Amino acid sequence: MPDIGYLNGHFSPLEAVKISPDDRGFLFGDGVYEVIRAYHGIPAFWYAHFNRLVRSAKEIQLHFSLGQADFQRLLLHGLQQSGYQEGKIYIQVTRGVAPREHTFPPIGEPTVFLAFRKMVALPTEVCQRGVNVITLPDTRWHRCDIKSLNLLPNVLAKQKAREANAFEGIFVRDGLVTEGATSNIFAVKNGTVITPERNHLVLAGVTQQQVVTLAQAKGLNVQFRPIPISEFLESDEAFLVGTTIEILPVIQVNGKTLRDGKPGPITTILKQQFTAHVSGLAMS
């Protein structure tokens, strides 16, 4: 089946979608986005992604009229057209097409774009073995709570990780771990599950919240709080979370092995719980 695209009210093969060079998303990165993973034809946690998309848009004064019910229908229609049971849905909303001026256009319609592609999961052996990460200075702007299109620092961090034969770059600001270039981060110390507090320097992750909920349901102590880099390097366990990677154990940081270099017991339990949870999803 072909990858499917949606642009301002119309579905088509993704390769047929054409976006104006005067679109402000292209010219300025003036827009917001989301990524949703579909399991057996069900877009997981779609409502949480929608709410975050609306919040991000509001924070940059971008108004679009797509409501929650219409958003849900778009997701299901696109998945049905693609035929993908395991899919990856990219959603992008920009301030629309206008002559290139920094200030907002006086009149304009947002560009609403969705892409429906087949989800290609990480190899099973990678998920079971765990991954290496490196730490990098967090050079991003001070509104990381907005899921904006401005991702150049993330791109550079991911590239540096690749060049270091690592899976992810972990941002550090003022001695504190914030998040990964494409993921949220968790550490485990003395049985406590820790993830950075949510503020303007950290994106509130949808998968992050799901993992917190699952951990609390298992009776684990979960803390949203600052994680000094020194504490992170001495963690008993660490793992990344994200829409496409789910829960991914970290076994090495900056070339140094964490503990015994194997996924820890709490990471393993939460990974099993998350897998069971998404396996039982149903569209409400």
Protein backbone atom coordinates (compact mmCIF):
# COMPACT_ATOMS: atom_id res chain seq x y z
CA MET A 1 0.00 0.00 0.00
CA PRO A 2 1.20 3.56 -0.67
CA ASP A 3 2.11 6.10 1.97
CA ILE A 4 -0.81 8.48 2.32
CA GLY A 5 -0.77 12.25 2.66
CA TYR A 6 -3.40 14.75 3.77
CA LEU A 7 -3.20 18.45 3.00
CA ASN A 8 -5.87 20.99 3.87
CA GLY A 9 -8.88 18.74 3.38
CA HIS A 10 -7.61 16.36 0.72
CA PHE A 11 -6.08 12.87 0.87
CA SER A 12 -3.68 11.69 -1.83
CA PRO A 13 -0.61 9.50 -2.24
CA LEU A 14 2.07 11.12 -0.12
CA GLU A 15 4.37 11.68 -3.08
CA ALA A 16 1.65 13.80 -4.75
CA VAL A 17 1.41 16.31 -1.89
CA LYS A 18 2.75 19.73 -2.88
CA ILE A 19 3.37 22.50 -0.33
CA SER A 20 4.02 26.10 -1.36
CA PRO A 21 7.56 27.47 -1.01
CA ASP A 22 5.90 30.47 0.66
CA ASP A 23 4.56 28.30 3.48
CA ARG A 24 5.77 29.80 6.75
CA GLY A 25 6.66 26.35 8.06
CA PHE A 26 9.23 26.08 5.28
CA LEU A 27 10.43 29.69 5.50
CA PHE A 28 10.53 30.21 9.28
CA GLY A 29 9.78 26.91 10.99
CA ASP A 30 6.60 28.74 11.99
CA GLY A 31 4.51 25.80 13.09
CA VAL A 32 4.08 22.84 15.39
CA TYR A 33 3.95 19.09 14.97
CA GLU A 34 3.16 15.72 16.52
CA VAL A 35 4.00 12.08 15.81
CA ILE A 36 1.55 9.29 16.63
CA ARG A 37 2.17 5.56 16.48
CA ALA A 38 -0.57 3.18 15.38
CA TYR A 39 -0.85 -0.34 16.76
CA HIS A 40 -3.10 -2.82 14.91
CA GLY A 41 -4.80 0.11 13.19
CA ILE A 42 -5.37 2.12 16.38
CA PRO A 43 -3.60 5.51 16.80
CA ALA A 44 -2.19 5.22 20.31
CA PHE A 45 -2.88 8.03 22.80
CA TRP A 46 -4.21 10.20 19.98
CA TYR A 47 -6.18 12.41 22.37
CA ALA A 48 -3.05 13.28 24.37
CA HIS A 49 -1.18 14.12 21.17
CA PHE A 50 -4.08 16.28 20.00
CA ASN A 51 -4.20 18.17 23.28
CA ARG A 52 -0.46 18.82 23.13
CA LEU A 53 -0.74 19.96 19.51
CA VAL A 54 -3.46 22.43 20.45
CA ARG A 55 -1.42 23.71 23.39
CA SER A 56 1.71 24.15 21.26
CA ALA A 57 -0.29 26.03 18.63
CA LYS A 58 -1.84 28.29 21.25
CA GLU A 59 1.59 29.12 22.69
CA ILE A 60 2.72 30.48 19.30
CA GLN A 61 -0.64 32.20 18.62
CA LEU A 62 -1.50 29.82 15.79
CA HIS A 63 -5.22 29.16 15.51
CA PHE A 64 -6.62 26.25 13.56
CA SER A 65 -10.19 25.01 13.56
CA LEU A 66 -9.58 21.26 13.54
CA GLY A 67 -11.53 19.80 16.45
CA GLN A 68 -10.87 16.63 18.40
CA ALA A 69 -13.57 14.59 16.63
CA ASP A 70 -12.36 15.68 13.17
CA PHE A 71 -8.78 14.92 14.18
CA GLN A 72 -9.78 11.40 15.22
CA ARG A 73 -11.62 10.84 11.94
CA LEU A 74 -8.60 12.04 9.94
CA LEU A 75 -6.31 9.60 11.72
CA LEU A 76 -8.62 6.64 11.17
CA HIS A 77 -9.38 7.54 7.55
CA GLY A 78 -5.71 7.92 6.70
CA LEU A 79 -4.80 4.64 8.35
CA GLN A 80 -7.60 2.87 6.52
CA GLN A 81 -6.47 4.28 3.17
CA SER A 82 -2.87 3.30 3.82
CA GLY A 83 -3.78 -0.18 4.98
CA TYR A 84 -1.06 0.00 7.63
CA GLN A 85 -1.86 -1.81 10.87
CA GLU A 86 1.46 -0.68 12.30
CA GLY A 87 1.81 2.93 11.27
CA LYS A 88 3.56 6.21 11.99
CA ILE A 89 1.50 9.37 11.58
CA TYR A 90 3.23 12.74 11.27
CA ILE A 91 1.08 15.84 11.84
CA GLN A 92 2.27 19.36 11.02
CA VAL A 93 0.36 22.64 11.35
CA THR A 94 1.92 25.87 10.12
CA ARG A 95 0.78 29.48 9.97
CA GLY A 96 0.13 28.98 6.27
CA VAL A 97 1.17 30.57 3.00
CA ALA A 98 2.09 34.27 2.91
CA PRO A 99 4.75 36.60 1.49
CA ARG A 100 8.00 36.30 3.44
CA GLU A 101 7.63 38.77 6.29
CA HIS A 102 8.59 37.96 9.87
CA THR A 103 5.37 39.36 11.32
CA PHE A 104 2.17 37.30 11.15
CA PRO A 105 0.13 37.67 7.95
CA PRO A 106 -3.00 39.77 8.56
CA ILE A 107 -5.20 37.13 6.93
CA GLY A 108 -4.24 33.55 6.38
CA GLU A 109 -5.28 29.96 6.66
CA PRO A 110 -3.11 27.44 8.48
CA THR A 111 -1.55 24.60 6.58
CA VAL A 112 -2.62 21.25 8.03
CA PHE A 113 -0.54 18.31 6.79
CA LEU A 114 -0.52 14.66 7.80
CA ALA A 115 1.63 11.80 6.53
CA PHE A 116 0.77 8.13 7.09
CA ARG A 117 3.72 5.79 6.77
CA LYS A 118 4.46 2.21 7.73
CA MET A 119 6.02 1.91 11.18
CA VAL A 120 9.39 0.19 11.10
CA ALA A 121 10.27 -0.72 14.67
CA LEU A 122 13.80 -0.99 16.02
CA PRO A 123 15.36 -4.44 15.73
CA THR A 124 14.38 -6.72 18.60
CA GLU A 125 17.99 -7.32 19.56
CA VAL A 126 18.56 -3.55 19.99
CA CYS A 127 15.52 -3.24 22.25
CA GLN A 128 16.60 -6.22 24.33
CA ARG A 129 20.30 -5.32 24.55
CA GLY A 130 19.93 -1.58 25.12
CA VAL A 131 21.75 1.38 23.60
CA ASN A 132 24.63 3.76 24.13
CA VAL A 133 24.12 7.50 24.55
CA ILE A 134 26.30 10.58 24.78
CA THR A 135 25.70 13.84 26.64
CA LEU A 136 25.78 17.23 24.94
CA PRO A 137 25.27 20.88 25.95
CA ASP A 138 21.62 21.88 25.59
CA THR A 139 21.80 24.75 23.09
CA ARG A 140 18.05 24.93 22.38
CA TRP A 141 15.76 27.91 23.01
CA HIS A 142 13.94 28.33 26.33
CA ARG A 143 10.53 27.11 25.15
CA CYS A 144 11.19 23.41 24.71
CA ASP A 145 7.70 22.77 26.10
CA ILE A 146 6.42 23.80 22.65
CA LYS A 147 6.70 21.04 20.06
CA SER A 148 7.79 23.42 17.32
CA LEU A 149 9.31 22.78 13.92
CA ASN A 150 12.59 24.40 14.98
CA LEU A 151 14.68 21.27 15.44
CA LEU A 152 18.16 22.18 14.21
CA PRO A 153 19.83 21.69 17.64
CA ASN A 154 18.15 18.28 17.85
CA VAL A 155 19.32 17.40 14.35
CA LEU A 156 22.91 18.34 15.22
CA ALA A 157 22.77 16.41 18.49
CA LYS A 158 21.45 13.31 16.75
CA GLN A 159 24.19 13.58 14.14
CA LYS A 160 26.88 13.90 16.82
CA ALA A 161 25.47 10.80 18.48
CA ARG A 162 25.65 8.88 15.22
CA GLU A 163 29.23 9.98 14.66
CA ALA A 164 30.04 8.70 18.16
CA ASN A 165 28.36 5.35 17.40
CA ALA A 166 25.67 6.17 19.95
CA PHE A 167 21.91 5.96 19.60
CA GLU A 168 20.95 9.24 21.26
CA GLY A 169 22.31 12.58 22.39
CA ILE A 170 21.22 13.58 25.89
CA PHE A 171 20.99 17.32 26.50
CA VAL A 172 22.51 18.83 29.66
CA ARG A 173 21.81 22.42 30.74
CA ASP A 174 23.42 24.03 33.79
CA GLY A 175 24.56 20.63 35.03
CA LEU A 176 21.08 19.07 34.77
CA VAL A 177 19.86 16.43 32.35
CA THR A 178 16.86 17.72 30.36
CA GLU A 179 15.95 15.20 27.63
CA GLY A 180 17.19 13.40 24.58
CA ALA A 181 17.36 14.84 21.08
CA THR A 182 14.34 12.70 20.14
CA SER A 183 13.25 11.23 23.46
CA ASN A 184 12.49 11.75 27.13
CA ILE A 185 14.87 10.30 29.69
CA PHE A 186 14.38 8.31 32.90
CA ALA A 187 16.83 7.22 35.57
CA VAL A 188 16.37 4.67 38.35
CA LYS A 189 18.16 5.02 41.69
CA ASN A 190 17.55 2.82 44.74
CA GLY A 191 14.22 1.69 43.30
CA THR A 192 12.95 5.23 42.58
CA VAL A 193 12.02 6.11 39.01
CA ILE A 194 13.11 9.67 38.18
CA THR A 195 12.41 11.86 35.16
CA PRO A 196 13.17 15.59 34.74
CA GLU A 197 10.52 17.97 35.97
CA ARG A 198 8.27 19.41 33.29
CA ASN A 199 8.93 23.07 32.62
CA HIS A 200 9.85 25.38 29.74
CA LEU A 201 13.10 23.42 29.18
CA VAL A 202 11.53 19.97 28.77
CA LEU A 203 8.79 18.68 26.47
CA ALA A 204 5.97 16.95 28.34
CA GLY A 205 6.16 13.56 26.64
CA VAL A 206 3.03 11.56 25.86
CA THR A 207 4.89 8.26 26.22
CA GLN A 208 6.65 9.68 29.27
CA GLN A 209 3.30 10.20 30.99
CA GLN A 210 2.10 6.73 30.04
CA VAL A 211 5.23 5.21 31.57
CA VAL A 212 4.80 7.26 34.74
CA THR A 213 1.20 6.04 35.05
CA LEU A 214 2.25 2.41 34.53
CA ALA A 215 5.07 2.73 37.07
CA GLN A 216 2.75 4.21 39.67
CA ALA A 217 0.22 1.45 39.03
CA LYS A 218 3.00 -1.06 39.83
CA GLY A 219 3.55 0.70 43.15
CA LEU A 220 6.84 2.27 42.16
CA ASN A 221 7.95 5.61 43.57
CA VAL A 222 8.08 8.11 40.68
CA GLN A 223 9.59 11.57 40.94
CA PHE A 224 9.51 14.49 38.52
CA ARG A 225 12.61 16.40 39.60
CA PRO A 226 15.94 17.75 38.37
CA ILE A 227 18.56 15.11 37.59
CA PRO A 228 22.15 16.36 38.02
CA ILE A 229 24.44 14.87 35.40
CA SER A 230 26.58 13.41 38.19
CA GLU A 231 23.56 11.52 39.53
CA PHE A 232 22.55 10.35 36.06
CA LEU A 233 26.01 8.89 35.45
CA GLU A 234 25.69 6.89 38.67
CA SER A 235 22.16 5.62 37.98
CA ASP A 236 21.27 2.01 38.71
CA GLU A 237 19.28 2.02 35.47
CA ALA A 238 18.39 4.46 32.72
CA PHE A 239 16.06 4.33 29.76
CA LEU A 240 14.74 6.45 26.91
CA VAL A 241 11.06 6.75 26.03
CA GLY A 242 9.31 8.04 22.93
CA THR A 243 6.50 7.41 20.51
CA THR A 244 8.53 5.33 18.08
CA ILE A 245 11.03 3.75 20.48
CA GLU A 246 8.59 3.01 23.34
CA ILE A 247 10.93 2.12 26.25
CA LEU A 248 14.58 1.66 25.32
CA PRO A 249 17.20 0.67 27.92
CA VAL A 250 20.40 2.72 28.19
CA ILE A 251 23.45 0.62 29.00
CA GLN A 252 26.29 3.04 28.34
CA VAL A 253 26.79 6.82 28.73
CA ASN A 254 29.77 8.60 27.17
CA GLY A 255 31.54 5.28 26.76
CA LYS A 256 31.06 4.30 30.40
CA THR A 257 28.95 1.24 31.16
CA LEU A 258 26.05 1.68 33.57
CA ARG A 259 26.25 -0.96 36.33
CA ASP A 260 26.54 -4.38 34.68
CA GLY A 261 25.79 -3.11 31.17
CA LYS A 262 22.42 -4.87 30.97
CA PRO A 263 18.84 -3.56 31.06
CA GLY A 264 17.78 -3.28 34.69
CA PRO A 265 14.84 -5.04 36.33
CA ILE A 266 12.61 -1.97 36.63
CA THR A 267 13.26 -1.01 33.02
CA THR A 268 12.41 -4.58 31.96
CA ILE A 269 9.19 -4.64 34.00
CA LEU A 270 8.01 -1.29 32.63
CA LYS A 271 8.84 -2.34 29.09
CA GLN A 272 6.72 -5.48 29.51
CA GLN A 273 3.89 -3.43 31.01
CA PHE A 274 3.98 -0.92 28.17
CA THR A 275 3.92 -3.66 25.54
CA ALA A 276 0.92 -5.26 27.20
CA HIS A 277 -0.80 -1.89 27.46
CA VAL A 278 -0.52 -0.96 23.77
CA SER A 279 -1.48 -4.50 22.77
CA GLY A 280 -4.83 -3.95 24.48
CA LEU A 281 -5.60 -0.54 23.00
CA ALA A 282 -9.05 0.15 21.57
CA MET A 283 -10.38 3.29 19.93
CA SER A 284 -12.79 5.13 22.23
